[in-house]
């Protein structure tokens, strides 16, 4: 999935990737220790198609108020959200 980004192996398969510029958002929540990470892209449908071509499982794109969302299934079984934002960006 991340083969397009430069990377180094820090040992024992721990990869460190050089990523493009990013944004961070902090949202209030009533629960403590709740953390979520999402990546953004310009075209979520093209992203899903590209990932599926590489054998990476993604959920179908879901229309949300704030953007179009998919989730990538990670090797350990967890998911990573990826979305095409509709909100203002800095």
PDB file of N, CA and C in Angstrom:
ATOM      1  N   UNK A   1       0.813  -1.190   0.000  1.00  0.00           N
ATOM      2  CA  UNK A   1       0.000   0.000   0.000  1.00  0.00           C
ATOM      3  C   UNK A   1       0.861   1.261   0.000  1.00  0.00           C
ATOM      4  N   UNK A   2       1.925   1.265   0.784  1.00  0.00           N
ATOM      5  CA  UNK A   2       2.743   2.465   0.919  1.00  0.00           C
ATOM      6  C   UNK A   2       4.016   2.402   0.078  1.00  0.00           C
ATOM      7  N   UNK A   3       4.074   1.505  -0.880  1.00  0.00           N
ATOM      8  CA  UNK A   3       5.310   1.312  -1.648  1.00  0.00           C
ATOM      9  C   UNK A   3       5.717   2.549  -2.444  1.00  0.00           C
ATOM     10  N   UNK A   4       4.805   3.502  -2.620  1.00  0.00           N
ATOM     11  CA  UNK A   4       5.145   4.717  -3.359  1.00  0.00           C
ATOM     12  C   UNK A   4       5.913   5.726  -2.504  1.00  0.00           C
ATOM     13  N   UNK A   5       5.969   5.498  -1.200  1.00  0.00           N
ATOM     14  CA  UNK A   5       6.638   6.418  -0.301  1.00  0.00           C
ATOM     15  C   UNK A   5       8.026   5.891   0.040  1.00  0.00           C
ATOM     16  N   UNK A   6       9.020   6.786   0.127  1.00  0.00           N
ATOM     17  CA  UNK A   6      10.353   6.328   0.526  1.00  0.00           C
ATOM     18  C   UNK A   6      10.292   5.763   1.945  1.00  0.00           C
ATOM     19  N   UNK A   7      11.077   4.714   2.188  1.00  0.00           N
ATOM     20  CA  UNK A   7      11.038   4.102   3.513  1.00  0.00           C
ATOM     21  C   UNK A   7      12.395   3.547   3.905  1.00  0.00           C
ATOM     22  N   UNK A   8      12.540   3.301   5.198  1.00  0.00           N
ATOM     23  CA  UNK A   8      13.715   2.624   5.726  1.00  0.00           C
ATOM     24  C   UNK A   8      13.217   1.549   6.678  1.00  0.00           C
ATOM     25  N   UNK A   9      13.983   0.473   6.799  1.00  0.00           N
ATOM     26  CA  UNK A   9      13.674  -0.585   7.760  1.00  0.00           C
ATOM     27  C   UNK A   9      14.484  -0.298   9.010  1.00  0.00           C
ATOM     28  N   UNK A  10      13.802   0.004  10.105  1.00  0.00           N
ATOM     29  CA  UNK A  10      14.474   0.333  11.355  1.00  0.00           C
ATOM     30  C   UNK A  10      14.929  -0.918  12.093  1.00  0.00           C
ATOM     31  N   UNK A  11      14.720  -2.082  11.496  1.00  0.00           N
ATOM     32  CA  UNK A  11      15.116  -3.349  12.104  1.00  0.00           C
ATOM     33  C   UNK A  11      13.918  -4.218  12.411  1.00  0.00           C
ATOM     34  N   UNK A  12      14.059  -5.495  12.142  1.00  0.00           N
ATOM     35  CA  UNK A  12      13.013  -6.473  12.432  1.00  0.00           C
ATOM     36  C   UNK A  12      11.688  -6.166  11.734  1.00  0.00           C
ATOM     37  N   UNK A  13      11.746  -5.539  10.559  1.00  0.00           N
ATOM     38  CA  UNK A  13      10.531  -5.259   9.801  1.00  0.00           C
ATOM     39  C   UNK A  13       9.781  -4.008  10.210  1.00  0.00           C
ATOM     40  N   UNK A  14      10.323  -3.214  11.133  1.00  0.00           N
ATOM     41  CA  UNK A  14       9.684  -1.961  11.531  1.00  0.00           C
ATOM     42  C   UNK A  14      10.026  -0.915  10.484  1.00  0.00           C
ATOM     43  N   UNK A  15       9.053  -0.608   9.625  1.00  0.00           N
ATOM     44  CA  UNK A  15       9.283   0.339   8.542  1.00  0.00           C
ATOM     45  C   UNK A  15       8.928   1.753   8.974  1.00  0.00           C
ATOM     46  N   UNK A  16       9.725   2.708   8.506  1.00  0.00           N
ATOM     47  CA  UNK A  16       9.471   4.128   8.720  1.00  0.00           C
ATOM     48  C   UNK A  16       9.336   4.745   7.340  1.00  0.00           C
ATOM     49  N   UNK A  17       8.184   5.381   7.090  1.00  0.00           N
ATOM     50  CA  UNK A  17       7.893   5.951   5.784  1.00  0.00           C
ATOM     51  C   UNK A  17       8.016   7.472   5.796  1.00  0.00           C
ATOM     52  N   UNK A  18       8.525   8.032   4.703  1.00  0.00           N
ATOM     53  CA  UNK A  18       8.468   9.458   4.469  1.00  0.00           C
ATOM     54  C   UNK A  18       7.125   9.737   3.826  1.00  0.00           C
ATOM     55  N   UNK A  19       6.306  10.576   4.435  1.00  0.00           N
ATOM     56  CA  UNK A  19       4.961  10.837   3.934  1.00  0.00           C
ATOM     57  C   UNK A  19       4.829  12.277   3.455  1.00  0.00           C
ATOM     58  N   UNK A  20       3.815  12.519   2.629  1.00  0.00           N
ATOM     59  CA  UNK A  20       3.579  13.893   2.176  1.00  0.00           C
ATOM     60  C   UNK A  20       3.119  14.778   3.336  1.00  0.00           C
ATOM     61  N   UNK A  21       2.998  16.040   3.073  1.00  0.00           N
ATOM     62  CA  UNK A  21       2.520  16.987   4.081  1.00  0.00           C
ATOM     63  C   UNK A  21       1.195  16.500   4.652  1.00  0.00           C
ATOM     64  N   UNK A  22       0.909  16.863   5.898  1.00  0.00           N
ATOM     65  CA  UNK A  22      -0.304  16.374   6.543  1.00  0.00           C
ATOM     66  C   UNK A  22      -0.981  17.473   7.338  1.00  0.00           C
ATOM     67  N   UNK A  23      -2.162  17.150   7.817  1.00  0.00           N
ATOM     68  CA  UNK A  23      -2.916  18.033   8.688  1.00  0.00           C
ATOM     69  C   UNK A  23      -3.301  17.231   9.920  1.00  0.00           C
ATOM     70  N   UNK A  24      -3.512  17.898  11.026  1.00  0.00           N
ATOM     71  CA  UNK A  24      -3.969  17.224  12.241  1.00  0.00           C
ATOM     72  C   UNK A  24      -5.229  17.930  12.737  1.00  0.00           C
ATOM     73  N   UNK A  25      -6.189  17.144  13.192  1.00  0.00           N
ATOM     74  CA  UNK A  25      -7.417  17.695  13.762  1.00  0.00           C
ATOM     75  C   UNK A  25      -7.613  17.075  15.135  1.00  0.00           C
ATOM     76  N   UNK A  26      -8.041  17.882  16.073  1.00  0.00           N
ATOM     77  CA  UNK A  26      -8.299  17.401  17.421  1.00  0.00           C
ATOM     78  C   UNK A  26      -9.775  17.659  17.714  1.00  0.00           C
ATOM     79  N   UNK A  27     -10.499  16.581  17.999  1.00  0.00           N
ATOM     80  CA  UNK A  27     -11.928  16.684  18.245  1.00  0.00           C
ATOM     81  C   UNK A  27     -12.227  16.316  19.694  1.00  0.00           C
ATOM     82  N   UNK A  28     -13.114  17.048  20.349  1.00  0.00           N
ATOM     83  CA  UNK A  28     -13.478  16.705  21.724  1.00  0.00           C
ATOM     84  C   UNK A  28     -14.300  15.416  21.750  1.00  0.00           C
ATOM     85  N   UNK A  29     -14.188  14.685  22.850  1.00  0.00           N
ATOM     86  CA  UNK A  29     -14.961  13.455  23.025  1.00  0.00           C
ATOM     87  C   UNK A  29     -15.199  13.234  24.506  1.00  0.00           C
ATOM     88  N   UNK A  30     -16.307  12.614  24.822  1.00  0.00           N
ATOM     89  CA  UNK A  30     -16.654  12.370  26.232  1.00  0.00           C
ATOM     90  C   UNK A  30     -15.855  11.236  26.849  1.00  0.00           C
ATOM     91  N   UNK A  31     -15.280  10.367  26.022  1.00  0.00           N
ATOM     92  CA  UNK A  31     -14.494   9.246  26.522  1.00  0.00           C
ATOM     93  C   UNK A  31     -13.018   9.625  26.575  1.00  0.00           C
ATOM     94  N   UNK A  32     -12.305   9.109  27.565  1.00  0.00           N
ATOM     95  CA  UNK A  32     -10.872   9.321  27.674  1.00  0.00           C
ATOM     96  C   UNK A  32     -10.141   8.224  26.899  1.00  0.00           C
ATOM     97  N   UNK A  33      -8.944   8.489  26.458  1.00  0.00           N
ATOM     98  CA  UNK A  33      -8.103   7.519  25.753  1.00  0.00           C
ATOM     99  C   UNK A  33      -8.733   7.002  24.470  1.00  0.00           C
ATOM    100  N   UNK A  34      -9.487   7.796  23.791  1.00  0.00           N
ATOM    101  CA  UNK A  34     -10.069   7.415  22.502  1.00  0.00           C
ATOM    102  C   UNK A  34      -9.290   8.138  21.418  1.00  0.00           C
ATOM    103  N   UNK A  35      -8.679   7.371  20.518  1.00  0.00           N
ATOM    104  CA  UNK A  35      -7.842   7.949  19.472  1.00  0.00           C
ATOM    105  C   UNK A  35      -8.217   7.321  18.136  1.00  0.00           C
ATOM    106  N   UNK A  36      -8.282   8.118  17.106  1.00  0.00           N
ATOM    107  CA  UNK A  36      -8.538   7.637  15.759  1.00  0.00           C
ATOM    108  C   UNK A  36      -7.579   8.342  14.815  1.00  0.00           C
ATOM    109  N   UNK A  37      -7.167   7.646  13.784  1.00  0.00           N
ATOM    110  CA  UNK A  37      -6.285   8.222  12.777  1.00  0.00           C
ATOM    111  C   UNK A  37      -6.922   8.005  11.418  1.00  0.00           C
ATOM    112  N   UNK A  38      -7.007   9.073  10.644  1.00  0.00           N
ATOM    113  CA  UNK A  38      -7.522   9.017   9.280  1.00  0.00           C
ATOM    114  C   UNK A  38      -6.510   9.663   8.346  1.00  0.00           C
ATOM    115  N   UNK A  39      -6.383   9.112   7.169  1.00  0.00           N
ATOM    116  CA  UNK A  39      -5.609   9.743   6.105  1.00  0.00           C
ATOM    117  C   UNK A  39      -6.579  10.408   5.144  1.00  0.00           C
ATOM    118  N   UNK A  40      -6.130  11.464   4.463  1.00  0.00           N
ATOM    119  CA  UNK A  40      -6.971  12.150   3.493  1.00  0.00           C
ATOM    120  C   UNK A  40      -6.426  11.910   2.095  1.00  0.00           C
ATOM    121  N   UNK A  41      -7.322  11.966   1.122  1.00  0.00           N
ATOM    122  CA  UNK A  41      -6.911  11.861  -0.277  1.00  0.00           C
ATOM    123  C   UNK A  41      -7.822  12.745  -1.120  1.00  0.00           C
ATOM    124  N   UNK A  42      -7.410  13.013  -2.354  1.00  0.00           N
ATOM    125  CA  UNK A  42      -8.190  13.872  -3.239  1.00  0.00           C
ATOM    126  C   UNK A  42      -9.367  13.153  -3.880  1.00  0.00           C
ATOM    127  N   UNK A  43      -9.269  11.844  -4.082  1.00  0.00           N
ATOM    128  CA  UNK A  43     -10.314  11.077  -4.761  1.00  0.00           C
ATOM    129  C   UNK A  43     -10.398   9.696  -4.127  1.00  0.00           C
ATOM    130  N   UNK A  44     -11.337   9.511  -3.193  1.00  0.00           N
ATOM    131  CA  UNK A  44     -11.399   8.258  -2.444  1.00  0.00           C
ATOM    132  C   UNK A  44     -11.761   7.076  -3.341  1.00  0.00           C
ATOM    133  N   UNK A  45     -12.594   7.286  -4.356  1.00  0.00           N
ATOM    134  CA  UNK A  45     -12.950   6.176  -5.247  1.00  0.00           C
ATOM    135  C   UNK A  45     -11.740   5.697  -6.040  1.00  0.00           C
ATOM    136  N   UNK A  46     -10.905   6.624  -6.511  1.00  0.00           N
ATOM    137  CA  UNK A  46      -9.677   6.240  -7.217  1.00  0.00           C
ATOM    138  C   UNK A  46      -8.722   5.532  -6.259  1.00  0.00           C
ATOM    139  N   UNK A  47      -8.656   6.001  -5.007  1.00  0.00           N
ATOM    140  CA  UNK A  47      -7.817   5.361  -3.999  1.00  0.00           C
ATOM    141  C   UNK A  47      -8.250   3.916  -3.775  1.00  0.00           C
ATOM    142  N   UNK A  48      -9.562   3.695  -3.589  1.00  0.00           N
ATOM    143  CA  UNK A  48     -10.089   2.346  -3.358  1.00  0.00           C
ATOM    144  C   UNK A  48      -9.767   1.448  -4.546  1.00  0.00           C
ATOM    145  N   UNK A  49      -9.958   1.944  -5.750  1.00  0.00           N
ATOM    146  CA  UNK A  49      -9.669   1.152  -6.954  1.00  0.00           C
ATOM    147  C   UNK A  49      -8.196   0.765  -7.012  1.00  0.00           C
ATOM    148  N   UNK A  50      -7.321   1.722  -6.725  1.00  0.00           N
ATOM    149  CA  UNK A  50      -5.880   1.456  -6.762  1.00  0.00           C
ATOM    150  C   UNK A  50      -5.484   0.434  -5.700  1.00  0.00           C
ATOM    151  N   UNK A  51      -6.041   0.558  -4.500  1.00  0.00           N
ATOM    152  CA  UNK A  51      -5.718  -0.386  -3.436  1.00  0.00           C
ATOM    153  C   UNK A  51      -6.213  -1.789  -3.782  1.00  0.00           C
ATOM    154  N   UNK A  52      -7.417  -1.892  -4.320  1.00  0.00           N
ATOM    155  CA  UNK A  52      -7.963  -3.205  -4.681  1.00  0.00           C
ATOM    156  C   UNK A  52      -7.141  -3.855  -5.787  1.00  0.00           C
ATOM    157  N   UNK A  53      -6.628  -3.054  -6.723  1.00  0.00           N
ATOM    158  CA  UNK A  53      -5.743  -3.588  -7.769  1.00  0.00           C
ATOM    159  C   UNK A  53      -4.485  -4.194  -7.158  1.00  0.00           C
ATOM    160  N   UNK A  54      -4.058  -3.664  -6.013  1.00  0.00           N
ATOM    161  CA  UNK A  54      -2.854  -4.162  -5.330  1.00  0.00           C
ATOM    162  C   UNK A  54      -3.181  -5.259  -4.327  1.00  0.00           C
ATOM    163  N   UNK A  55      -4.450  -5.667  -4.264  1.00  0.00           N
ATOM    164  CA  UNK A  55      -4.846  -6.728  -3.350  1.00  0.00           C
ATOM    165  C   UNK A  55      -5.121  -6.263  -1.935  1.00  0.00           C
ATOM    166  N   UNK A  56      -5.268  -4.968  -1.725  1.00  0.00           N
ATOM    167  CA  UNK A  56      -5.545  -4.414  -0.407  1.00  0.00           C
ATOM    168  C   UNK A  56      -7.061  -4.291  -0.240  1.00  0.00           C
ATOM    169  N   UNK A  57      -7.585  -4.815   0.849  1.00  0.00           N
ATOM    170  CA  UNK A  57      -9.018  -4.768   1.099  1.00  0.00           C
ATOM    171  C   UNK A  57      -9.427  -3.399   1.628  1.00  0.00           C
ATOM    172  N   UNK A  58     -10.466  -2.824   1.026  1.00  0.00           N
ATOM    173  CA  UNK A  58     -11.050  -1.559   1.471  1.00  0.00           C
ATOM    174  C   UNK A  58     -12.559  -1.731   1.570  1.00  0.00           C
ATOM    175  N   UNK A  59     -13.165  -1.002   2.486  1.00  0.00           N
ATOM    176  CA  UNK A  59     -14.624  -0.984   2.538  1.00  0.00           C
ATOM    177  C   UNK A  59     -15.143  -0.145   1.382  1.00  0.00           C
ATOM    178  N   UNK A  60     -16.418  -0.339   1.045  1.00  0.00           N
ATOM    179  CA  UNK A  60     -17.031   0.517   0.035  1.00  0.00           C
ATOM    180  C   UNK A  60     -17.056   1.942   0.562  1.00  0.00           C
ATOM    181  N   UNK A  61     -16.934   2.916  -0.336  1.00  0.00           N
ATOM    182  CA  UNK A  61     -16.942   4.317   0.058  1.00  0.00           C
ATOM    183  C   UNK A  61     -18.299   4.675   0.655  1.00  0.00           C
ATOM    184  N   UNK A  62     -18.283   5.381   1.773  1.00  0.00           N
ATOM    185  CA  UNK A  62     -19.508   5.796   2.469  1.00  0.00           C
ATOM    186  C   UNK A  62     -19.580   7.316   2.498  1.00  0.00           C
ATOM    187  N   UNK A  63     -20.715   7.841   2.134  1.00  0.00           N
ATOM    188  CA  UNK A  63     -20.934   9.282   2.097  1.00  0.00           C
ATOM    189  C   UNK A  63     -21.232   9.786   3.509  1.00  0.00           C
ATOM    190  N   UNK A  64     -20.356  10.629   4.030  1.00  0.00           N
ATOM    191  CA  UNK A  64     -20.525  11.227   5.353  1.00  0.00           C
ATOM    192  C   UNK A  64     -20.720  12.732   5.184  1.00  0.00           C
ATOM    193  N   UNK A  65     -21.224  13.371   6.183  1.00  0.00           N
ATOM    194  CA  UNK A  65     -21.420  14.823   6.128  1.00  0.00           C
ATOM    195  C   UNK A  65     -20.102  15.553   5.838  1.00  0.00           C
ATOM    196  N   UNK A  66     -19.012  15.072   6.409  1.00  0.00           N
ATOM    197  CA  UNK A  66     -17.717  15.745   6.340  1.00  0.00           C
ATOM    198  C   UNK A  66     -16.808  15.240   5.229  1.00  0.00           C
ATOM    199  N   UNK A  67     -17.236  14.157   4.510  1.00  0.00           N
ATOM    200  CA  UNK A  67     -16.415  13.635   3.420  1.00  0.00           C
ATOM    201  C   UNK A  67     -16.868  12.257   2.983  1.00  0.00           C
ATOM    202  N   UNK A  68     -16.120  11.669   2.082  1.00  0.00           N
ATOM    203  CA  UNK A  68     -16.393  10.323   1.593  1.00  0.00           C
ATOM    204  C   UNK A  68     -15.346   9.407   2.208  1.00  0.00           C
ATOM    205  N   UNK A  69     -15.795   8.385   2.941  1.00  0.00           N
ATOM    206  CA  UNK A  69     -14.932   7.585   3.803  1.00  0.00           C
ATOM    207  C   UNK A  69     -14.828   6.143   3.334  1.00  0.00           C
ATOM    208  N   UNK A  70     -13.626   5.594   3.414  1.00  0.00           N
ATOM    209  CA  UNK A  70     -13.387   4.169   3.266  1.00  0.00           C
ATOM    210  C   UNK A  70     -12.482   3.745   4.418  1.00  0.00           C
ATOM    211  N   UNK A  71     -12.296   2.463   4.572  1.00  0.00           N
ATOM    212  CA  UNK A  71     -11.361   1.951   5.569  1.00  0.00           C
ATOM    213  C   UNK A  71     -10.506   0.872   4.915  1.00  0.00           C
ATOM    214  N   UNK A  72      -9.217   0.931   5.157  1.00  0.00           N
ATOM    215  CA  UNK A  72      -8.254  -0.045   4.653  1.00  0.00           C
ATOM    216  C   UNK A  72      -8.041  -1.084   5.739  1.00  0.00           C
ATOM    217  N   UNK A  73      -8.121  -2.359   5.376  1.00  0.00           N
ATOM    218  CA  UNK A  73      -7.845  -3.417   6.342  1.00  0.00           C
ATOM    219  C   UNK A  73      -6.340  -3.603   6.446  1.00  0.00           C
ATOM    220  N   UNK A  74      -5.805  -3.445   7.656  1.00  0.00           N
ATOM    221  CA  UNK A  74      -4.370  -3.571   7.907  1.00  0.00           C
ATOM    222  C   UNK A  74      -3.987  -5.036   8.102  1.00  0.00           C
ATOM    223  N   UNK A  75      -2.713  -5.375   7.918  1.00  0.00           N
ATOM    224  CA  UNK A  75      -2.290  -6.773   8.057  1.00  0.00           C
ATOM    225  C   UNK A  75      -2.676  -7.414   9.389  1.00  0.00           C
ATOM    226  N   UNK A  76      -2.726  -6.654  10.468  1.00  0.00           N
ATOM    227  CA  UNK A  76      -3.093  -7.194  11.774  1.00  0.00           C
ATOM    228  C   UNK A  76      -4.592  -7.303  11.990  1.00  0.00           C
ATOM    229  N   UNK A  77      -5.374  -6.883  10.990  1.00  0.00           N
ATOM    230  CA  UNK A  77      -6.824  -6.980  11.087  1.00  0.00           C
ATOM    231  C   UNK A  77      -7.519  -5.690  11.458  1.00  0.00           C
ATOM    232  N   UNK A  78      -6.774  -4.704  11.915  1.00  0.00           N
ATOM    233  CA  UNK A  78      -7.370  -3.408  12.238  1.00  0.00           C
ATOM    234  C   UNK A  78      -7.722  -2.652  10.971  1.00  0.00           C
ATOM    235  N   UNK A  79      -8.299  -1.495  11.139  1.00  0.00           N
ATOM    236  CA  UNK A  79      -8.658  -0.668   9.995  1.00  0.00           C
ATOM    237  C   UNK A  79      -8.058   0.723  10.130  1.00  0.00           C
ATOM    238  N   UNK A  80      -7.783   1.330   8.990  1.00  0.00           N
ATOM    239  CA  UNK A  80      -7.288   2.700   8.911  1.00  0.00           C
ATOM    240  C   UNK A  80      -8.232   3.468   8.000  1.00  0.00           C
ATOM    241  N   UNK A  81      -8.821   4.533   8.538  1.00  0.00           N
ATOM    242  CA  UNK A  81      -9.751   5.338   7.750  1.00  0.00           C
ATOM    243  C   UNK A  81      -9.015   6.208   6.739  1.00  0.00           C
ATOM    244  N   UNK A  82      -9.595   6.313   5.552  1.00  0.00           N
ATOM    245  CA  UNK A  82      -9.094   7.197   4.499  1.00  0.00           C
ATOM    246  C   UNK A  82     -10.303   7.928   3.944  1.00  0.00           C
ATOM    247  N   UNK A  83     -10.203   9.240   3.831  1.00  0.00           N
ATOM    248  CA  UNK A  83     -11.371   9.964   3.338  1.00  0.00           C
ATOM    249  C   UNK A  83     -11.005  11.117   2.425  1.00  0.00           C
ATOM    250  N   UNK A  84     -11.998  11.481   1.609  1.00  0.00           N
ATOM    251  CA  UNK A  84     -11.931  12.643   0.724  1.00  0.00           C
ATOM    252  C   UNK A  84     -12.709  13.746   1.439  1.00  0.00           C
ATOM    253  N   UNK A  85     -12.016  14.784   1.930  1.00  0.00           N
ATOM    254  CA  UNK A  85     -12.690  15.773   2.776  1.00  0.00           C
ATOM    255  C   UNK A  85     -13.630  16.697   2.007  1.00  0.00           C
ATOM    256  N   UNK A  86     -14.670  17.103   2.714  1.00  0.00           N
ATOM    257  CA  UNK A  86     -15.573  18.155   2.217  1.00  0.00           C
ATOM    258  C   UNK A  86     -15.386  19.427   3.049  1.00  0.00           C
ATOM    259  N   UNK A  87     -14.739  19.305   4.184  1.00  0.00           N
ATOM    260  CA  UNK A  87     -14.570  20.434   5.076  1.00  0.00           C
ATOM    261  C   UNK A  87     -13.462  21.363   4.586  1.00  0.00           C
ATOM    262  N   UNK A  88     -13.434  22.543   5.136  1.00  0.00           N
ATOM    263  CA  UNK A  88     -12.365  23.490   4.818  1.00  0.00           C
ATOM    264  C   UNK A  88     -11.032  22.902   5.241  1.00  0.00           C
ATOM    265  N   UNK A  89     -10.002  23.263   4.500  1.00  0.00           N
ATOM    266  CA  UNK A  89      -8.651  22.787   4.838  1.00  0.00           C
ATOM    267  C   UNK A  89      -7.740  23.987   4.984  1.00  0.00           C
ATOM    268  N   UNK A  90      -6.769  23.895   5.895  1.00  0.00           N
ATOM    269  CA  UNK A  90      -5.858  25.033   6.094  1.00  0.00           C
ATOM    270  C   UNK A  90      -4.962  25.265   4.893  1.00  0.00           C
TER     271      UNK A  90
END
